[in-house]
């Protein structure tokens, strides 16, 4: 082996490794930025879903209240109709 050729070979290898480390450092930085952006996006989505869930729960409560009111109205109407039918049956049987 020629030792005078060893130093340029080692220097070249160190330079290649430094370049590779530079590329990896840039990739790591880009991935870290992506992670930050994804975390922000995730938080925004969670907030939006929480808002949507709250709105849907409120809508569900309103619909349930309307349904209870509608059932009460229909029950009262049915009772009046049954009373009318009973009176009509009484009149017919006389």
PDB file of N, CA and C in Angstrom:
ATOM      1  N   UNK A   1       0.844  -1.170   0.000  1.00  0.00           N
ATOM      2  CA  UNK A   1       0.000   0.000   0.000  1.00  0.00           C
ATOM      3  C   UNK A   1       0.894   1.240   0.000  1.00  0.00           C
ATOM      4  N   UNK A   2       0.462   2.195  -0.718  1.00  0.00           N
ATOM      5  CA  UNK A   2       1.195   3.458  -0.829  1.00  0.00           C
ATOM      6  C   UNK A   2       0.583   4.439   0.178  1.00  0.00           C
ATOM      7  N   UNK A   3       1.333   4.743   1.197  1.00  0.00           N
ATOM      8  CA  UNK A   3       0.815   5.583   2.275  1.00  0.00           C
ATOM      9  C   UNK A   3       0.540   7.016   1.828  1.00  0.00           C
ATOM     10  N   UNK A   4       1.216   7.488   0.846  1.00  0.00           N
ATOM     11  CA  UNK A   4       0.953   8.853   0.380  1.00  0.00           C
ATOM     12  C   UNK A   4      -0.410   8.950  -0.314  1.00  0.00           C
ATOM     13  N   UNK A   5      -0.983   7.826  -0.733  1.00  0.00           N
ATOM     14  CA  UNK A   5      -2.325   7.811  -1.327  1.00  0.00           C
ATOM     15  C   UNK A   5      -3.409   7.644  -0.252  1.00  0.00           C
ATOM     16  N   UNK A   6      -3.023   7.236   0.920  1.00  0.00           N
ATOM     17  CA  UNK A   6      -3.983   6.968   1.992  1.00  0.00           C
ATOM     18  C   UNK A   6      -4.656   8.253   2.493  1.00  0.00           C
ATOM     19  N   UNK A   7      -3.903   9.309   2.655  1.00  0.00           N
ATOM     20  CA  UNK A   7      -4.469  10.556   3.180  1.00  0.00           C
ATOM     21  C   UNK A   7      -5.547  11.106   2.252  1.00  0.00           C
ATOM     22  N   UNK A   8      -5.350  11.221   0.940  1.00  0.00           N
ATOM     23  CA  UNK A   8      -6.428  11.708   0.068  1.00  0.00           C
ATOM     24  C   UNK A   8      -7.646  10.784   0.074  1.00  0.00           C
ATOM     25  N   UNK A   9      -7.413   9.467   0.175  1.00  0.00           N
ATOM     26  CA  UNK A   9      -8.545   8.523   0.226  1.00  0.00           C
ATOM     27  C   UNK A   9      -9.353   8.732   1.507  1.00  0.00           C
ATOM     28  N   UNK A  10      -8.654   8.866   2.638  1.00  0.00           N
ATOM     29  CA  UNK A  10      -9.350   9.082   3.908  1.00  0.00           C
ATOM     30  C   UNK A  10     -10.075  10.422   3.908  1.00  0.00           C
ATOM     31  N   UNK A  11      -9.433  11.432   3.379  1.00  0.00           N
ATOM     32  CA  UNK A  11     -10.061  12.751   3.298  1.00  0.00           C
ATOM     33  C   UNK A  11     -11.317  12.692   2.430  1.00  0.00           C
ATOM     34  N   UNK A  12     -11.223  12.002   1.327  1.00  0.00           N
ATOM     35  CA  UNK A  12     -12.378  11.850   0.436  1.00  0.00           C
ATOM     36  C   UNK A  12     -13.519  11.132   1.154  1.00  0.00           C
ATOM     37  N   UNK A  13     -13.192  10.094   1.890  1.00  0.00           N
ATOM     38  CA  UNK A  13     -14.224   9.337   2.622  1.00  0.00           C
ATOM     39  C   UNK A  13     -14.873  10.210   3.701  1.00  0.00           C
ATOM     40  N   UNK A  14     -14.070  10.985   4.406  1.00  0.00           N
ATOM     41  CA  UNK A  14     -14.611  11.896   5.428  1.00  0.00           C
ATOM     42  C   UNK A  14     -15.533  12.915   4.779  1.00  0.00           C
ATOM     43  N   UNK A  15     -15.155  13.429   3.627  1.00  0.00           N
ATOM     44  CA  UNK A  15     -15.993  14.403   2.924  1.00  0.00           C
ATOM     45  C   UNK A  15     -17.319  13.767   2.492  1.00  0.00           C
ATOM     46  N   UNK A  16     -17.271  12.539   2.015  1.00  0.00           N
ATOM     47  CA  UNK A  16     -18.509  11.833   1.636  1.00  0.00           C
ATOM     48  C   UNK A  16     -19.405  11.638   2.856  1.00  0.00           C
ATOM     49  N   UNK A  17     -18.802  11.271   3.957  1.00  0.00           N
ATOM     50  CA  UNK A  17     -19.586  11.081   5.186  1.00  0.00           C
ATOM     51  C   UNK A  17     -20.195  12.399   5.649  1.00  0.00           C
ATOM     52  N   UNK A  18     -19.442  13.492   5.536  1.00  0.00           N
ATOM     53  CA  UNK A  18     -19.973  14.790   5.924  1.00  0.00           C
ATOM     54  C   UNK A  18     -21.136  15.186   5.029  1.00  0.00           C
ATOM     55  N   UNK A  19     -21.013  14.898   3.747  1.00  0.00           N
ATOM     56  CA  UNK A  19     -22.115  15.186   2.826  1.00  0.00           C
ATOM     57  C   UNK A  19     -23.343  14.359   3.197  1.00  0.00           C
ATOM     58  N   UNK A  20     -23.114  13.078   3.492  1.00  0.00           N
ATOM     59  CA  UNK A  20     -24.234  12.207   3.874  1.00  0.00           C
ATOM     60  C   UNK A  20     -24.873  12.706   5.165  1.00  0.00           C
ATOM     61  N   UNK A  21     -24.043  13.132   6.117  1.00  0.00           N
ATOM     62  CA  UNK A  21     -24.582  13.677   7.369  1.00  0.00           C
ATOM     63  C   UNK A  21     -25.363  14.954   7.125  1.00  0.00           C
ATOM     64  N   UNK A  22     -24.887  15.766   6.204  1.00  0.00           N
ATOM     65  CA  UNK A  22     -25.605  16.996   5.850  1.00  0.00           C
ATOM     66  C   UNK A  22     -26.977  16.690   5.266  1.00  0.00           C
ATOM     67  N   UNK A  23     -27.009  15.709   4.365  1.00  0.00           N
ATOM     68  CA  UNK A  23     -28.293  15.295   3.769  1.00  0.00           C
ATOM     69  C   UNK A  23     -29.227  14.772   4.849  1.00  0.00           C
ATOM     70  N   UNK A  24     -28.700  13.936   5.731  1.00  0.00           N
ATOM     71  CA  UNK A  24     -29.520  13.382   6.803  1.00  0.00           C
ATOM     72  C   UNK A  24     -30.007  14.473   7.749  1.00  0.00           C
ATOM     73  N   UNK A  25     -29.168  15.452   8.029  1.00  0.00           N
ATOM     74  CA  UNK A  25     -29.563  16.550   8.912  1.00  0.00           C
ATOM     75  C   UNK A  25     -30.691  17.362   8.279  1.00  0.00           C
ATOM     76  N   UNK A  26     -30.591  17.616   6.965  1.00  0.00           N
ATOM     77  CA  UNK A  26     -31.662  18.349   6.278  1.00  0.00           C
ATOM     78  C   UNK A  26     -32.959  17.535   6.265  1.00  0.00           C
ATOM     79  N   UNK A  27     -32.832  16.224   6.045  1.00  0.00           N
ATOM     80  CA  UNK A  27     -34.023  15.365   6.071  1.00  0.00           C
ATOM     81  C   UNK A  27     -34.660  15.367   7.447  1.00  0.00           C
ATOM     82  N   UNK A  28     -33.836  15.283   8.471  1.00  0.00           N
ATOM     83  CA  UNK A  28     -34.337  15.285   9.842  1.00  0.00           C
ATOM     84  C   UNK A  28     -35.033  16.606  10.153  1.00  0.00           C
ATOM     85  N   UNK A  29     -34.448  17.685   9.720  1.00  0.00           N
ATOM     86  CA  UNK A  29     -35.057  18.999   9.935  1.00  0.00           C
ATOM     87  C   UNK A  29     -36.405  19.101   9.217  1.00  0.00           C
ATOM     88  N   UNK A  30     -36.450  18.620   7.977  1.00  0.00           N
ATOM     89  CA  UNK A  30     -37.701  18.650   7.213  1.00  0.00           C
ATOM     90  C   UNK A  30     -38.758  17.773   7.883  1.00  0.00           C
ATOM     91  N   UNK A  31     -38.349  16.619   8.384  1.00  0.00           N
ATOM     92  CA  UNK A  31     -39.297  15.727   9.058  1.00  0.00           C
ATOM     93  C   UNK A  31     -39.789  16.346  10.367  1.00  0.00           C
ATOM     94  N   UNK A  32     -38.890  17.025  11.072  1.00  0.00           N
ATOM     95  CA  UNK A  32     -39.304  17.687  12.310  1.00  0.00           C
ATOM     96  C   UNK A  32     -40.325  18.779  12.006  1.00  0.00           C
ATOM     97  N   UNK A  33     -40.106  19.532  10.933  1.00  0.00           N
ATOM     98  CA  UNK A  33     -41.061  20.575  10.540  1.00  0.00           C
ATOM     99  C   UNK A  33     -42.388  19.941  10.147  1.00  0.00           C
ATOM    100  N   UNK A  34     -42.331  18.844   9.413  1.00  0.00           N
ATOM    101  CA  UNK A  34     -43.546  18.129   9.026  1.00  0.00           C
ATOM    102  C   UNK A  34     -44.308  17.665  10.257  1.00  0.00           C
ATOM    103  N   UNK A  35     -43.578  17.165  11.234  1.00  0.00           N
ATOM    104  CA  UNK A  35     -44.209  16.686  12.459  1.00  0.00           C
ATOM    105  C   UNK A  35     -44.917  17.822  13.181  1.00  0.00           C
ATOM    106  N   UNK A  36     -44.282  18.980  13.244  1.00  0.00           N
ATOM    107  CA  UNK A  36     -44.914  20.145  13.872  1.00  0.00           C
ATOM    108  C   UNK A  36     -46.193  20.510  13.129  1.00  0.00           C
ATOM    109  N   UNK A  37     -46.113  20.538  11.802  1.00  0.00           N
ATOM    110  CA  UNK A  37     -47.290  20.876  10.997  1.00  0.00           C
ATOM    111  C   UNK A  37     -48.406  19.846  11.185  1.00  0.00           C
ATOM    112  N   UNK A  38     -48.044  18.581  11.251  1.00  0.00           N
ATOM    113  CA  UNK A  38     -49.050  17.529  11.447  1.00  0.00           C
ATOM    114  C   UNK A  38     -49.688  17.626  12.830  1.00  0.00           C
ATOM    115  N   UNK A  39     -48.888  17.981  13.829  1.00  0.00           N
ATOM    116  CA  UNK A  39     -49.451  18.145  15.172  1.00  0.00           C
ATOM    117  C   UNK A  39     -50.449  19.300  15.205  1.00  0.00           C
ATOM    118  N   UNK A  40     -50.107  20.398  14.556  1.00  0.00           N
ATOM    119  CA  UNK A  40     -51.018  21.544  14.490  1.00  0.00           C
ATOM    120  C   UNK A  40     -52.296  21.154  13.742  1.00  0.00           C
ATOM    121  N   UNK A  41     -52.119  20.454  12.634  1.00  0.00           N
ATOM    122  CA  UNK A  41     -53.278  20.005  11.853  1.00  0.00           C
ATOM    123  C   UNK A  41     -54.150  19.066  12.688  1.00  0.00           C
ATOM    124  N   UNK A  42     -53.524  18.181  13.433  1.00  0.00           N
ATOM    125  CA  UNK A  42     -54.264  17.252  14.283  1.00  0.00           C
ATOM    126  C   UNK A  42     -55.049  18.008  15.355  1.00  0.00           C
ATOM    127  N   UNK A  43     -54.420  18.990  15.974  1.00  0.00           N
ATOM    128  CA  UNK A  43     -55.112  19.788  16.989  1.00  0.00           C
ATOM    129  C   UNK A  43     -56.300  20.525  16.389  1.00  0.00           C
ATOM    130  N   UNK A  44     -56.102  21.073  15.189  1.00  0.00           N
ATOM    131  CA  UNK A  44     -57.203  21.779  14.523  1.00  0.00           C
ATOM    132  C   UNK A  44     -58.356  20.831  14.211  1.00  0.00           C
ATOM    133  N   UNK A  45     -58.012  19.639  13.742  1.00  0.00           N
ATOM    134  CA  UNK A  45     -59.056  18.653  13.435  1.00  0.00           C
ATOM    135  C   UNK A  45     -59.797  18.214  14.702  1.00  0.00           C
ATOM    136  N   UNK A  46     -59.052  18.020  15.775  1.00  0.00           N
ATOM    137  CA  UNK A  46     -59.694  17.631  17.036  1.00  0.00           C
ATOM    138  C   UNK A  46     -60.631  18.724  17.517  1.00  0.00           C
ATOM    139  N   UNK A  47     -60.205  19.980  17.399  1.00  0.00           N
ATOM    140  CA  UNK A  47     -61.062  21.094  17.805  1.00  0.00           C
ATOM    141  C   UNK A  47     -62.315  21.159  16.931  1.00  0.00           C
ATOM    142  N   UNK A  48     -62.133  20.969  15.635  1.00  0.00           N
ATOM    143  CA  UNK A  48     -63.282  20.997  14.716  1.00  0.00           C
ATOM    144  C   UNK A  48     -64.237  19.853  15.017  1.00  0.00           C
ATOM    145  N   UNK A  49     -63.698  18.670  15.301  1.00  0.00           N
ATOM    146  CA  UNK A  49     -64.554  17.522  15.611  1.00  0.00           C
ATOM    147  C   UNK A  49     -65.279  17.738  16.936  1.00  0.00           C
ATOM    148  N   UNK A  50     -64.607  18.337  17.894  1.00  0.00           N
ATOM    149  CA  UNK A  50     -65.259  18.618  19.174  1.00  0.00           C
ATOM    150  C   UNK A  50     -66.400  19.602  18.972  1.00  0.00           C
ATOM    151  N   UNK A  51     -66.183  20.628  18.160  1.00  0.00           N
ATOM    152  CA  UNK A  51     -67.223  21.611  17.851  1.00  0.00           C
ATOM    153  C   UNK A  51     -68.395  20.937  17.141  1.00  0.00           C
ATOM    154  N   UNK A  52     -68.082  20.114  16.159  1.00  0.00           N
ATOM    155  CA  UNK A  52     -69.132  19.420  15.405  1.00  0.00           C
ATOM    156  C   UNK A  52     -69.919  18.477  16.315  1.00  0.00           C
ATOM    157  N   UNK A  53     -69.215  17.789  17.203  1.00  0.00           N
ATOM    158  CA  UNK A  53     -69.878  16.884  18.135  1.00  0.00           C
ATOM    159  C   UNK A  53     -70.808  17.653  19.059  1.00  0.00           C
ATOM    160  N   UNK A  54     -70.364  18.798  19.547  1.00  0.00           N
ATOM    161  CA  UNK A  54     -71.207  19.614  20.417  1.00  0.00           C
ATOM    162  C   UNK A  54     -72.458  20.089  19.673  1.00  0.00           C
ATOM    163  N   UNK A  55     -72.277  20.494  18.428  1.00  0.00           N
ATOM    164  CA  UNK A  55     -73.429  20.934  17.622  1.00  0.00           C
ATOM    165  C   UNK A  55     -74.395  19.786  17.376  1.00  0.00           C
ATOM    166  N   UNK A  56     -73.866  18.601  17.092  1.00  0.00           N
ATOM    167  CA  UNK A  56     -74.736  17.447  16.858  1.00  0.00           C
ATOM    168  C   UNK A  56     -75.486  17.041  18.127  1.00  0.00           C
ATOM    169  N   UNK A  57     -74.816  17.131  19.275  1.00  0.00           N
ATOM    170  CA  UNK A  57     -75.494  16.816  20.532  1.00  0.00           C
ATOM    171  C   UNK A  57     -76.616  17.807  20.802  1.00  0.00           C
ATOM    172  N   UNK A  58     -76.354  19.082  20.554  1.00  0.00           N
ATOM    173  CA  UNK A  58     -77.394  20.102  20.750  1.00  0.00           C
ATOM    174  C   UNK A  58     -78.564  19.860  19.798  1.00  0.00           C
ATOM    175  N   UNK A  59     -78.254  19.535  18.563  1.00  0.00           N
ATOM    176  CA  UNK A  59     -79.307  19.247  17.580  1.00  0.00           C
ATOM    177  C   UNK A  59     -80.109  18.019  18.012  1.00  0.00           C
ATOM    178  N   UNK A  60     -79.435  17.000  18.508  1.00  0.00           N
ATOM    179  CA  UNK A  60     -80.107  15.794  18.970  1.00  0.00           C
ATOM    180  C   UNK A  60     -81.055  16.112  20.129  1.00  0.00           C
ATOM    181  N   UNK A  61     -80.592  16.941  21.062  1.00  0.00           N
ATOM    182  CA  UNK A  61     -81.453  17.320  22.187  1.00  0.00           C
ATOM    183  C   UNK A  61     -82.679  18.085  21.707  1.00  0.00           C
ATOM    184  N   UNK A  62     -82.482  18.991  20.735  1.00  0.00           N
ATOM    185  CA  UNK A  62     -83.634  19.744  20.201  1.00  0.00           C
ATOM    186  C   UNK A  62     -84.625  18.800  19.521  1.00  0.00           C
ATOM    187  N   UNK A  63     -84.102  17.850  18.750  1.00  0.00           N
ATOM    188  CA  UNK A  63     -84.978  16.911  18.050  1.00  0.00           C
ATOM    189  C   UNK A  63     -85.723  16.003  19.031  1.00  0.00           C
ATOM    190  N   UNK A  64     -85.028  15.582  20.082  1.00  0.00           N
ATOM    191  CA  UNK A  64     -85.689  14.752  21.083  1.00  0.00           C
ATOM    192  C   UNK A  64     -86.798  15.532  21.798  1.00  0.00           C
ATOM    193  N   UNK A  65     -86.537  16.795  22.120  1.00  0.00           N
ATOM    194  CA  UNK A  65     -87.555  17.624  22.763  1.00  0.00           C
ATOM    195  C   UNK A  65     -88.755  17.818  21.834  1.00  0.00           C
ATOM    196  N   UNK A  66     -88.483  18.039  20.550  1.00  0.00           N
ATOM    197  CA  UNK A  66     -89.574  18.195  19.580  1.00  0.00           C
ATOM    198  C   UNK A  66     -90.369  16.906  19.453  1.00  0.00           C
ATOM    199  N   UNK A  67     -89.688  15.780  19.498  1.00  0.00           N
ATOM    200  CA  UNK A  67     -90.360  14.489  19.406  1.00  0.00           C
ATOM    201  C   UNK A  67     -91.244  14.247  20.626  1.00  0.00           C
ATOM    202  N   UNK A  68     -90.751  14.589  21.801  1.00  0.00           N
ATOM    203  CA  UNK A  68     -91.554  14.450  23.026  1.00  0.00           C
ATOM    204  C   UNK A  68     -92.802  15.313  22.913  1.00  0.00           C
ATOM    205  N   UNK A  69     -92.637  16.552  22.438  1.00  0.00           N
ATOM    206  CA  UNK A  69     -93.777  17.457  22.277  1.00  0.00           C
ATOM    207  C   UNK A  69     -94.759  16.901  21.258  1.00  0.00           C
ATOM    208  N   UNK A  70     -94.233  16.390  20.164  1.00  0.00           N
ATOM    209  CA  UNK A  70     -95.101  15.829  19.123  1.00  0.00           C
ATOM    210  C   UNK A  70     -95.855  14.610  19.650  1.00  0.00           C
ATOM    211  N   UNK A  71     -95.182  13.761  20.418  1.00  0.00           N
ATOM    212  CA  UNK A  71     -95.848  12.591  20.988  1.00  0.00           C
ATOM    213  C   UNK A  71     -96.943  13.000  21.954  1.00  0.00           C
ATOM    214  N   UNK A  72     -96.685  14.049  22.760  1.00  0.00           N
ATOM    215  CA  UNK A  72     -97.701  14.525  23.695  1.00  0.00           C
ATOM    216  C   UNK A  72     -98.908  15.073  22.942  1.00  0.00           C
ATOM    217  N   UNK A  73     -98.644  15.802  21.869  1.00  0.00           N
ATOM    218  CA  UNK A  73     -99.734  16.355  21.057  1.00  0.00           C
ATOM    219  C   UNK A  73    -100.556  15.234  20.430  1.00  0.00           C
ATOM    220  N   UNK A  74     -99.869  14.224  19.892  1.00  0.00           N
ATOM    221  CA  UNK A  74    -100.580  13.106  19.279  1.00  0.00           C
ATOM    222  C   UNK A  74    -101.356  12.292  20.317  1.00  0.00           C
ATOM    223  N   UNK A  75    -100.793  12.133  21.501  1.00  0.00           N
ATOM    224  CA  UNK A  75    -101.494  11.393  22.553  1.00  0.00           C
ATOM    225  C   UNK A  75    -102.759  12.130  22.975  1.00  0.00           C
ATOM    226  N   UNK A  76    -102.671  13.447  23.092  1.00  0.00           N
ATOM    227  CA  UNK A  76    -103.848  14.239  23.458  1.00  0.00           C
ATOM    228  C   UNK A  76    -104.902  14.164  22.356  1.00  0.00           C
ATOM    229  N   UNK A  77    -104.477  14.231  21.124  1.00  0.00           N
ATOM    230  CA  UNK A  77    -105.423  14.145  19.995  1.00  0.00           C
ATOM    231  C   UNK A  77    -106.086  12.773  19.965  1.00  0.00           C
ATOM    232  N   UNK A  78    -105.298  11.712  20.177  1.00  0.00           N
ATOM    233  CA  UNK A  78    -105.848  10.363  20.205  1.00  0.00           C
ATOM    234  C   UNK A  78    -106.869  10.227  21.325  1.00  0.00           C
ATOM    235  N   UNK A  79    -106.549  10.797  22.472  1.00  0.00           N
ATOM    236  CA  UNK A  79    -107.486  10.722  23.602  1.00  0.00           C
ATOM    237  C   UNK A  79    -108.803  11.419  23.261  1.00  0.00           C
ATOM    238  N   UNK A  80    -108.715  12.586  22.623  1.00  0.00           N
ATOM    239  CA  UNK A  80    -109.946  13.292  22.228  1.00  0.00           C
ATOM    240  C   UNK A  80    -110.738  12.478  21.208  1.00  0.00           C
ATOM    241  N   UNK A  81    -110.038  11.864  20.258  1.00  0.00           N
ATOM    242  CA  UNK A  81    -110.720  11.049  19.246  1.00  0.00           C
ATOM    243  C   UNK A  81    -111.391   9.836  19.887  1.00  0.00           C
ATOM    244  N   UNK A  82    -110.707   9.210  20.847  1.00  0.00           N
ATOM    245  CA  UNK A  82    -111.293   8.057  21.523  1.00  0.00           C
ATOM    246  C   UNK A  82    -112.506   8.462  22.357  1.00  0.00           C
ATOM    247  N   UNK A  83    -112.426   9.639  22.997  1.00  0.00           N
ATOM    248  CA  UNK A  83    -113.584  10.122  23.761  1.00  0.00           C
ATOM    249  C   UNK A  83    -114.753  10.406  22.828  1.00  0.00           C
ATOM    250  N   UNK A  84    -114.442  11.002  21.665  1.00  0.00           N
ATOM    251  CA  UNK A  84    -115.498  11.276  20.679  1.00  0.00           C
ATOM    252  C   UNK A  84    -116.106   9.991  20.156  1.00  0.00           C
ATOM    253  N   UNK A  85    -115.257   8.989  19.921  1.00  0.00           N
ATOM    254  CA  UNK A  85    -115.764   7.708  19.433  1.00  0.00           C
ATOM    255  C   UNK A  85    -116.612   7.034  20.494  1.00  0.00           C
ATOM    256  N   UNK A  86    -116.204   7.156  21.762  1.00  0.00           N
ATOM    257  CA  UNK A  86    -116.988   6.560  22.846  1.00  0.00           C
ATOM    258  C   UNK A  86    -118.345   7.252  22.957  1.00  0.00           C
ATOM    259  N   UNK A  87    -118.375   8.582  22.846  1.00  0.00           N
ATOM    260  CA  UNK A  87    -119.648   9.313  22.886  1.00  0.00           C
ATOM    261  C   UNK A  87    -120.531   8.926  21.710  1.00  0.00           C
ATOM    262  N   UNK A  88    -119.921   8.792  20.531  1.00  0.00           N
ATOM    263  CA  UNK A  88    -120.690   8.409  19.350  1.00  0.00           C
ATOM    264  C   UNK A  88    -121.252   7.008  19.513  1.00  0.00           C
ATOM    265  N   UNK A  89    -120.476   6.097  20.085  1.00  0.00           N
ATOM    266  CA  UNK A  89    -120.958   4.733  20.313  1.00  0.00           C
ATOM    267  C   UNK A  89    -122.084   4.730  21.318  1.00  0.00           C
ATOM    268  N   UNK A  90    -121.991   5.593  22.336  1.00  0.00           N
ATOM    269  CA  UNK A  90    -123.059   5.694  23.340  1.00  0.00           C
ATOM    270  C   UNK A  90    -124.339   6.207  22.695  1.00  0.00           C
ATOM    271  N   UNK A  91    -124.224   7.207  21.840  1.00  0.00           N
ATOM    272  CA  UNK A  91    -125.399   7.768  21.165  1.00  0.00           C
ATOM    273  C   UNK A  91    -126.035   6.761  20.236  1.00  0.00           C
ATOM    274  N   UNK A  92    -125.217   5.981  19.545  1.00  0.00           N
ATOM    275  CA  UNK A  92    -125.725   4.989  18.602  1.00  0.00           C
ATOM    276  C   UNK A  92    -126.442   3.868  19.365  1.00  0.00           C
ATOM    277  N   UNK A  93    -125.930   3.499  20.516  1.00  0.00           N
ATOM    278  CA  UNK A  93    -126.513   2.391  21.248  1.00  0.00           C
ATOM    279  C   UNK A  93    -127.824   2.784  21.938  1.00  0.00           C
ATOM    280  N   UNK A  94    -128.165   4.039  22.020  1.00  0.00           N
ATOM    281  CA  UNK A  94    -129.404   4.476  22.660  1.00  0.00           C
ATOM    282  C   UNK A  94    -130.561   4.273  21.782  1.00  0.00           C
TER     283      UNK A  94
END
